[in-house]
């Protein structure tokens, strides 16, 4: 199950966050700081899957943006890794090469993603309530 989804810049500032489990605001700040620090401190040669406390972090870097997804131990890391890539493809198509500014200043990011491509409908369907359902099989059908 997906616990949270973060988009952060290289300076460690959170640009977008979505939590699928209730986390108090004060604890979110601390969690995000620790998670971001653990991902940004890794080199590009290291694995993009990190064990962190009682869950796993899967992250990918796209230019100045890092996308970090926290999942429980039962989730398939490669499926989440591919999910992140498909999410970025949707943003790229809508924004014509998505950047940090697009994410930071877009008031209608979810609406924009919905209009960008039919893939977003499948992405939102496969992540309902934090669960990732057969994402790769569903996304392959839309290609």
N, C-alpha and C. Protein backbone atom coordinates (compact mmCIF):
# COMPACT_ATOMS: atom_id res chain seq x y z
N UNK A 1 0.84 -1.17 0.00
CA UNK A 1 0.00 0.00 0.00
C UNK A 1 0.89 1.25 0.00
N UNK A 2 0.50 2.22 -0.78
CA UNK A 2 1.22 3.49 -0.82
C UNK A 2 0.86 4.28 0.43
N UNK A 3 1.88 4.78 1.12
CA UNK A 3 1.65 5.58 2.32
C UNK A 3 1.66 7.07 1.98
N UNK A 4 2.58 7.48 1.09
CA UNK A 4 2.63 8.88 0.69
C UNK A 4 3.34 9.02 -0.64
N UNK A 5 3.14 10.18 -1.28
CA UNK A 5 3.71 10.52 -2.57
C UNK A 5 4.25 11.94 -2.43
N UNK A 6 5.54 12.14 -2.70
CA UNK A 6 6.17 13.45 -2.56
C UNK A 6 6.89 13.84 -3.85
N UNK A 7 6.83 15.13 -4.18
CA UNK A 7 7.67 15.70 -5.22
C UNK A 7 8.47 16.79 -4.53
N UNK A 8 9.79 16.71 -4.63
CA UNK A 8 10.67 17.67 -3.96
C UNK A 8 11.75 18.13 -4.93
N UNK A 9 12.31 19.32 -4.66
CA UNK A 9 13.40 19.81 -5.49
C UNK A 9 14.74 19.41 -4.89
N UNK A 10 15.83 19.78 -5.55
CA UNK A 10 17.16 19.39 -5.09
C UNK A 10 17.55 20.05 -3.77
N UNK A 11 16.87 21.15 -3.44
CA UNK A 11 17.14 21.82 -2.17
C UNK A 11 16.36 21.19 -1.01
N UNK A 12 15.52 20.20 -1.32
CA UNK A 12 14.77 19.51 -0.28
C UNK A 12 13.43 20.13 0.05
N UNK A 13 12.97 21.06 -0.78
CA UNK A 13 11.67 21.70 -0.54
C UNK A 13 10.56 20.86 -1.17
N UNK A 14 9.54 20.57 -0.40
CA UNK A 14 8.42 19.79 -0.90
C UNK A 14 7.58 20.65 -1.82
N UNK A 15 7.33 20.15 -3.03
CA UNK A 15 6.53 20.88 -4.01
C UNK A 15 5.13 20.29 -4.15
N UNK A 16 4.99 19.02 -3.83
CA UNK A 16 3.68 18.37 -3.89
C UNK A 16 3.71 17.19 -2.94
N UNK A 17 2.65 17.02 -2.17
CA UNK A 17 2.58 15.86 -1.27
C UNK A 17 1.17 15.34 -1.23
N UNK A 18 1.06 14.02 -1.13
CA UNK A 18 -0.23 13.35 -1.00
C UNK A 18 -0.04 12.21 -0.03
N UNK A 19 -0.84 12.19 1.02
CA UNK A 19 -0.76 11.13 2.04
C UNK A 19 -2.00 10.25 1.93
N UNK A 20 -1.79 8.93 1.96
CA UNK A 20 -2.89 7.98 1.89
C UNK A 20 -3.25 7.41 3.26
N UNK A 21 -2.48 7.79 4.27
CA UNK A 21 -2.76 7.46 5.66
C UNK A 21 -2.69 8.76 6.46
N UNK A 22 -3.49 8.85 7.50
CA UNK A 22 -3.49 10.07 8.30
C UNK A 22 -2.15 10.23 9.03
N UNK A 23 -1.54 11.38 8.83
CA UNK A 23 -0.31 11.75 9.53
C UNK A 23 -0.50 13.19 9.98
N UNK A 24 -0.28 13.46 11.26
CA UNK A 24 -0.44 14.82 11.78
C UNK A 24 0.51 15.77 11.06
N UNK A 25 0.07 17.02 10.93
CA UNK A 25 0.86 18.02 10.20
C UNK A 25 2.26 18.17 10.80
N UNK A 26 2.36 18.20 12.11
CA UNK A 26 3.68 18.36 12.74
C UNK A 26 4.59 17.16 12.43
N UNK A 27 4.02 15.98 12.36
CA UNK A 27 4.81 14.78 12.05
C UNK A 27 5.13 14.69 10.56
N UNK A 28 4.28 15.26 9.72
CA UNK A 28 4.54 15.26 8.27
C UNK A 28 5.83 16.01 7.97
N UNK A 29 6.00 17.16 8.59
CA UNK A 29 7.19 17.97 8.34
C UNK A 29 8.45 17.20 8.71
N UNK A 30 8.43 16.56 9.86
CA UNK A 30 9.59 15.78 10.30
C UNK A 30 9.82 14.58 9.38
N UNK A 31 8.75 13.88 9.02
CA UNK A 31 8.85 12.73 8.12
C UNK A 31 9.42 13.15 6.77
N UNK A 32 8.87 14.22 6.20
CA UNK A 32 9.35 14.69 4.90
C UNK A 32 10.82 15.09 4.96
N UNK A 33 11.22 15.76 6.03
CA UNK A 33 12.62 16.16 6.16
C UNK A 33 13.54 14.96 6.19
N UNK A 34 13.21 13.96 6.97
CA UNK A 34 14.05 12.76 7.08
C UNK A 34 14.07 11.96 5.78
N UNK A 35 12.90 11.81 5.16
CA UNK A 35 12.79 11.04 3.91
C UNK A 35 13.57 11.73 2.80
N UNK A 36 13.40 13.02 2.68
CA UNK A 36 14.09 13.78 1.63
C UNK A 36 15.60 13.72 1.83
N UNK A 37 16.03 13.88 3.07
CA UNK A 37 17.47 13.83 3.37
C UNK A 37 18.05 12.47 3.01
N UNK A 38 17.33 11.40 3.31
CA UNK A 38 17.85 10.06 3.02
C UNK A 38 17.91 9.79 1.51
N UNK A 39 17.01 10.35 0.74
CA UNK A 39 17.02 10.14 -0.72
C UNK A 39 18.01 11.06 -1.42
N UNK A 40 18.06 12.33 -1.03
CA UNK A 40 18.95 13.28 -1.70
C UNK A 40 20.42 13.01 -1.41
N UNK A 41 20.70 12.36 -0.29
CA UNK A 41 22.11 12.11 0.07
C UNK A 41 22.70 10.92 -0.68
N UNK A 42 21.88 10.19 -1.41
CA UNK A 42 22.37 9.01 -2.13
C UNK A 42 22.93 9.42 -3.49
N UNK A 43 23.92 8.70 -3.95
CA UNK A 43 24.50 8.99 -5.26
C UNK A 43 23.66 8.35 -6.37
N UNK A 44 23.92 8.76 -7.59
CA UNK A 44 23.15 8.24 -8.72
C UNK A 44 23.45 6.77 -9.00
N UNK A 45 24.58 6.27 -8.49
CA UNK A 45 24.94 4.87 -8.68
C UNK A 45 24.23 3.94 -7.69
N UNK A 46 23.66 4.49 -6.65
CA UNK A 46 23.00 3.66 -5.64
C UNK A 46 21.58 3.33 -6.06
N UNK A 47 21.07 2.27 -5.49
CA UNK A 47 19.72 1.79 -5.78
C UNK A 47 18.67 2.82 -5.38
N UNK A 48 17.58 2.88 -6.11
CA UNK A 48 16.50 3.83 -5.83
C UNK A 48 15.47 3.28 -4.86
N UNK A 49 15.76 2.17 -4.22
CA UNK A 49 14.88 1.59 -3.21
C UNK A 49 15.60 1.67 -1.87
N UNK A 50 14.96 2.28 -0.88
CA UNK A 50 15.59 2.50 0.41
C UNK A 50 14.68 1.96 1.51
N UNK A 51 15.27 1.19 2.42
CA UNK A 51 14.53 0.75 3.62
C UNK A 51 14.55 1.91 4.61
N UNK A 52 13.37 2.30 5.07
CA UNK A 52 13.27 3.42 6.00
C UNK A 52 12.24 3.10 7.07
N UNK A 53 12.68 2.99 8.31
CA UNK A 53 11.82 2.64 9.45
C UNK A 53 10.98 1.42 9.12
N UNK A 54 9.65 1.56 9.13
CA UNK A 54 8.79 0.40 8.89
C UNK A 54 8.22 0.35 7.47
N UNK A 55 8.82 1.09 6.55
CA UNK A 55 8.36 1.05 5.16
C UNK A 55 9.53 1.25 4.21
N UNK A 56 9.24 1.20 2.91
CA UNK A 56 10.26 1.36 1.87
C UNK A 56 10.04 2.67 1.14
N UNK A 57 11.12 3.27 0.69
CA UNK A 57 11.06 4.46 -0.15
C UNK A 57 11.50 4.08 -1.55
N UNK A 58 10.72 4.48 -2.53
CA UNK A 58 11.10 4.31 -3.93
C UNK A 58 11.15 5.72 -4.51
N UNK A 59 12.26 6.07 -5.14
CA UNK A 59 12.38 7.42 -5.67
C UNK A 59 13.02 7.42 -7.05
N UNK A 60 12.75 8.49 -7.79
CA UNK A 60 13.38 8.72 -9.09
C UNK A 60 13.67 10.20 -9.21
N UNK A 61 14.75 10.52 -9.90
CA UNK A 61 15.10 11.92 -10.14
C UNK A 61 14.84 12.26 -11.60
N UNK A 62 14.18 13.39 -11.80
CA UNK A 62 13.94 13.92 -13.14
C UNK A 62 14.40 15.37 -13.10
N UNK A 63 15.57 15.65 -13.68
CA UNK A 63 16.18 16.98 -13.67
C UNK A 63 16.28 17.46 -12.23
N UNK A 64 15.59 18.54 -11.88
CA UNK A 64 15.69 19.11 -10.54
C UNK A 64 14.63 18.57 -9.59
N UNK A 65 13.78 17.68 -10.06
CA UNK A 65 12.71 17.14 -9.22
C UNK A 65 12.99 15.70 -8.82
N UNK A 66 12.71 15.40 -7.57
CA UNK A 66 12.74 14.04 -7.06
C UNK A 66 11.30 13.65 -6.74
N UNK A 67 10.92 12.46 -7.14
CA UNK A 67 9.61 11.92 -6.76
C UNK A 67 9.88 10.75 -5.84
N UNK A 68 9.29 10.82 -4.65
CA UNK A 68 9.51 9.82 -3.61
C UNK A 68 8.16 9.22 -3.23
N UNK A 69 8.08 7.90 -3.23
CA UNK A 69 6.86 7.22 -2.83
C UNK A 69 7.21 6.29 -1.66
N UNK A 70 6.47 6.43 -0.57
CA UNK A 70 6.64 5.55 0.58
C UNK A 70 5.60 4.45 0.53
N UNK A 71 6.03 3.20 0.63
CA UNK A 71 5.13 2.05 0.55
C UNK A 71 5.41 1.08 1.69
N UNK A 72 4.45 0.20 1.95
CA UNK A 72 4.69 -0.83 2.97
C UNK A 72 5.54 -1.95 2.36
N UNK A 73 5.90 -2.92 3.16
CA UNK A 73 6.80 -3.98 2.72
C UNK A 73 6.21 -4.92 1.69
N UNK A 74 4.89 -4.95 1.56
CA UNK A 74 4.24 -5.88 0.64
C UNK A 74 4.16 -5.37 -0.79
N UNK A 75 4.44 -4.10 -1.01
CA UNK A 75 4.27 -3.51 -2.34
C UNK A 75 5.44 -3.89 -3.25
N UNK A 76 5.16 -4.04 -4.52
CA UNK A 76 6.16 -4.37 -5.53
C UNK A 76 6.94 -3.11 -5.89
N UNK A 77 8.23 -3.09 -5.60
CA UNK A 77 9.05 -1.90 -5.83
C UNK A 77 9.12 -1.52 -7.31
N UNK A 78 9.27 -2.50 -8.17
CA UNK A 78 9.38 -2.21 -9.61
C UNK A 78 8.08 -1.63 -10.17
N UNK A 79 6.94 -2.08 -9.67
CA UNK A 79 5.66 -1.53 -10.12
C UNK A 79 5.54 -0.07 -9.71
N UNK A 80 5.97 0.26 -8.51
CA UNK A 80 5.92 1.64 -8.04
C UNK A 80 6.93 2.49 -8.81
N UNK A 81 8.09 1.93 -9.09
CA UNK A 81 9.11 2.63 -9.87
C UNK A 81 8.57 2.99 -11.27
N UNK A 82 7.89 2.05 -11.88
CA UNK A 82 7.28 2.30 -13.19
C UNK A 82 6.10 3.27 -13.09
N UNK A 83 5.34 3.18 -12.01
CA UNK A 83 4.24 4.11 -11.77
C UNK A 83 4.75 5.55 -11.72
N UNK A 84 5.88 5.77 -11.04
CA UNK A 84 6.46 7.11 -10.97
C UNK A 84 6.80 7.61 -12.37
N UNK A 85 7.40 6.75 -13.18
CA UNK A 85 7.77 7.14 -14.54
C UNK A 85 6.53 7.50 -15.36
N UNK A 86 5.48 6.72 -15.25
CA UNK A 86 4.25 7.01 -15.99
C UNK A 86 3.61 8.31 -15.52
N UNK A 87 3.67 8.59 -14.25
CA UNK A 87 3.15 9.86 -13.72
C UNK A 87 3.90 11.03 -14.35
N UNK A 88 5.22 10.94 -14.44
CA UNK A 88 6.03 12.00 -15.03
C UNK A 88 5.74 12.14 -16.52
N UNK A 89 5.51 11.04 -17.21
CA UNK A 89 5.15 11.11 -18.63
C UNK A 89 3.85 11.89 -18.83
N UNK A 90 2.89 11.69 -17.95
CA UNK A 90 1.63 12.43 -18.02
C UNK A 90 1.89 13.92 -17.82
N UNK A 91 2.67 14.26 -16.81
CA UNK A 91 2.99 15.67 -16.56
C UNK A 91 3.75 16.29 -17.73
N UNK A 92 4.70 15.54 -18.30
CA UNK A 92 5.46 16.03 -19.45
C UNK A 92 4.55 16.33 -20.63
N UNK A 93 3.60 15.47 -20.86
CA UNK A 93 2.71 15.68 -21.99
C UNK A 93 1.85 16.92 -21.80
N UNK A 94 1.37 17.13 -20.59
CA UNK A 94 0.51 18.30 -20.34
C UNK A 94 1.32 19.59 -20.34
N UNK A 95 2.45 19.60 -19.65
CA UNK A 95 3.23 20.82 -19.50
C UNK A 95 4.29 21.00 -20.57
N UNK A 96 4.43 20.08 -21.49
CA UNK A 96 5.49 20.13 -22.51
C UNK A 96 6.85 20.28 -21.83
N UNK A 97 7.30 19.24 -21.18
CA UNK A 97 8.54 19.19 -20.39
C UNK A 97 8.29 19.83 -19.03
N UNK A 98 7.75 19.06 -18.13
CA UNK A 98 7.40 19.54 -16.78
C UNK A 98 8.64 20.02 -16.05
N UNK A 99 8.46 21.08 -15.27
CA UNK A 99 9.55 21.62 -14.46
C UNK A 99 9.04 21.85 -13.04
N UNK A 100 9.95 22.22 -12.18
CA UNK A 100 9.59 22.51 -10.79
C UNK A 100 8.58 23.64 -10.71
N UNK A 101 8.73 24.65 -11.56
CA UNK A 101 7.80 25.78 -11.56
C UNK A 101 6.39 25.34 -11.94
N UNK A 102 6.28 24.45 -12.90
CA UNK A 102 4.97 23.94 -13.29
C UNK A 102 4.26 23.30 -12.11
N UNK A 103 4.98 22.48 -11.36
CA UNK A 103 4.40 21.79 -10.21
C UNK A 103 4.08 22.77 -9.10
N UNK A 104 4.98 23.74 -8.86
CA UNK A 104 4.81 24.68 -7.76
C UNK A 104 3.65 25.64 -7.99
N UNK A 105 3.48 26.11 -9.21
CA UNK A 105 2.52 27.18 -9.46
C UNK A 105 1.27 26.76 -10.19
N UNK A 106 1.12 25.49 -10.49
CA UNK A 106 -0.10 25.02 -11.14
C UNK A 106 -1.18 24.82 -10.09
N UNK A 107 -2.24 25.61 -10.19
CA UNK A 107 -3.36 25.51 -9.24
C UNK A 107 -4.22 24.29 -9.53
N UNK A 108 -4.14 23.80 -10.74
CA UNK A 108 -5.04 22.73 -11.17
C UNK A 108 -4.27 21.50 -11.61
N UNK A 109 -3.25 21.13 -10.87
CA UNK A 109 -2.42 20.00 -11.27
C UNK A 109 -3.22 18.72 -11.46
N UNK A 110 -4.08 18.30 -10.52
CA UNK A 110 -4.85 17.06 -10.75
C UNK A 110 -5.78 17.17 -11.96
N UNK A 111 -6.39 18.34 -12.14
CA UNK A 111 -7.27 18.53 -13.29
C UNK A 111 -6.45 18.50 -14.57
N UNK A 112 -5.28 19.14 -14.52
CA UNK A 112 -4.40 19.15 -15.68
C UNK A 112 -4.00 17.75 -16.07
N UNK A 113 -3.67 16.94 -15.09
CA UNK A 113 -3.27 15.56 -15.38
C UNK A 113 -4.43 14.79 -15.98
N UNK A 114 -5.62 15.05 -15.54
CA UNK A 114 -6.80 14.36 -16.06
C UNK A 114 -7.04 14.67 -17.52
N UNK A 115 -6.72 15.88 -17.94
CA UNK A 115 -6.91 16.28 -19.33
C UNK A 115 -5.72 15.90 -20.20
N UNK A 116 -4.60 15.62 -19.57
CA UNK A 116 -3.37 15.42 -20.33
C UNK A 116 -3.41 14.17 -21.18
N UNK A 117 -3.88 13.10 -20.63
CA UNK A 117 -3.75 11.84 -21.34
C UNK A 117 -4.67 10.83 -20.69
N UNK A 118 -5.14 9.88 -21.46
CA UNK A 118 -6.01 8.85 -20.89
C UNK A 118 -5.28 8.00 -19.87
N UNK A 119 -3.93 8.01 -19.88
CA UNK A 119 -3.18 7.24 -18.90
C UNK A 119 -3.50 7.67 -17.48
N UNK A 120 -3.74 8.99 -17.28
CA UNK A 120 -3.99 9.47 -15.92
C UNK A 120 -5.22 8.81 -15.33
N UNK A 121 -6.24 8.60 -16.14
CA UNK A 121 -7.43 7.93 -15.63
C UNK A 121 -7.08 6.54 -15.11
N UNK A 122 -6.20 5.85 -15.80
CA UNK A 122 -5.78 4.52 -15.36
C UNK A 122 -4.89 4.62 -14.12
N UNK A 123 -4.02 5.64 -14.08
CA UNK A 123 -3.15 5.80 -12.92
C UNK A 123 -4.00 6.07 -11.68
N UNK A 124 -4.97 6.97 -11.78
CA UNK A 124 -5.78 7.25 -10.60
C UNK A 124 -6.61 6.04 -10.21
N UNK A 125 -7.02 5.25 -11.18
CA UNK A 125 -7.81 4.05 -10.87
C UNK A 125 -6.97 2.99 -10.17
N UNK A 126 -5.71 2.89 -10.52
CA UNK A 126 -4.89 1.84 -9.92
C UNK A 126 -4.29 2.24 -8.59
N UNK A 127 -4.48 3.49 -8.17
CA UNK A 127 -3.95 3.93 -6.88
C UNK A 127 -5.04 4.31 -5.90
N UNK A 128 -6.22 3.82 -6.06
CA UNK A 128 -7.30 4.18 -5.16
C UNK A 128 -7.00 3.76 -3.74
N UNK A 129 -7.20 4.69 -2.82
CA UNK A 129 -7.01 4.47 -1.39
C UNK A 129 -5.59 3.99 -1.06
N UNK A 130 -4.63 4.37 -1.88
CA UNK A 130 -3.24 4.04 -1.58
C UNK A 130 -2.79 2.68 -2.06
N UNK A 131 -3.66 1.92 -2.71
CA UNK A 131 -3.26 0.61 -3.20
C UNK A 131 -2.92 0.70 -4.68
N UNK A 132 -1.87 0.02 -5.07
CA UNK A 132 -1.44 -0.02 -6.46
C UNK A 132 -1.91 -1.34 -7.04
N UNK A 133 -2.87 -1.28 -7.96
CA UNK A 133 -3.46 -2.49 -8.54
C UNK A 133 -2.96 -2.71 -9.95
N UNK A 134 -2.20 -3.73 -10.19
CA UNK A 134 -1.82 -4.15 -11.54
C UNK A 134 -1.54 -2.96 -12.46
N UNK A 135 -0.75 -2.04 -12.00
CA UNK A 135 -0.51 -0.81 -12.75
C UNK A 135 0.10 -1.07 -14.11
N UNK A 136 1.06 -1.95 -14.18
CA UNK A 136 1.75 -2.17 -15.45
C UNK A 136 0.83 -2.80 -16.47
N UNK A 137 0.03 -3.73 -16.08
CA UNK A 137 -0.89 -4.39 -17.02
C UNK A 137 -1.92 -3.39 -17.55
N UNK A 138 -2.46 -2.56 -16.69
CA UNK A 138 -3.45 -1.58 -17.11
C UNK A 138 -2.84 -0.54 -18.02
N UNK A 139 -1.64 -0.04 -17.67
CA UNK A 139 -1.01 0.99 -18.47
C UNK A 139 -0.57 0.47 -19.83
N UNK A 140 -0.18 -0.77 -19.93
CA UNK A 140 0.21 -1.32 -21.22
C UNK A 140 -0.96 -1.35 -22.19
N UNK A 141 -2.16 -1.50 -21.69
CA UNK A 141 -3.34 -1.52 -22.55
C UNK A 141 -3.59 -0.18 -23.20
N UNK A 142 -3.14 0.92 -22.58
CA UNK A 142 -3.41 2.25 -23.11
C UNK A 142 -2.36 2.71 -24.12
N UNK A 143 -1.25 2.00 -24.24
CA UNK A 143 -0.18 2.45 -25.13
C UNK A 143 -0.49 2.30 -26.59
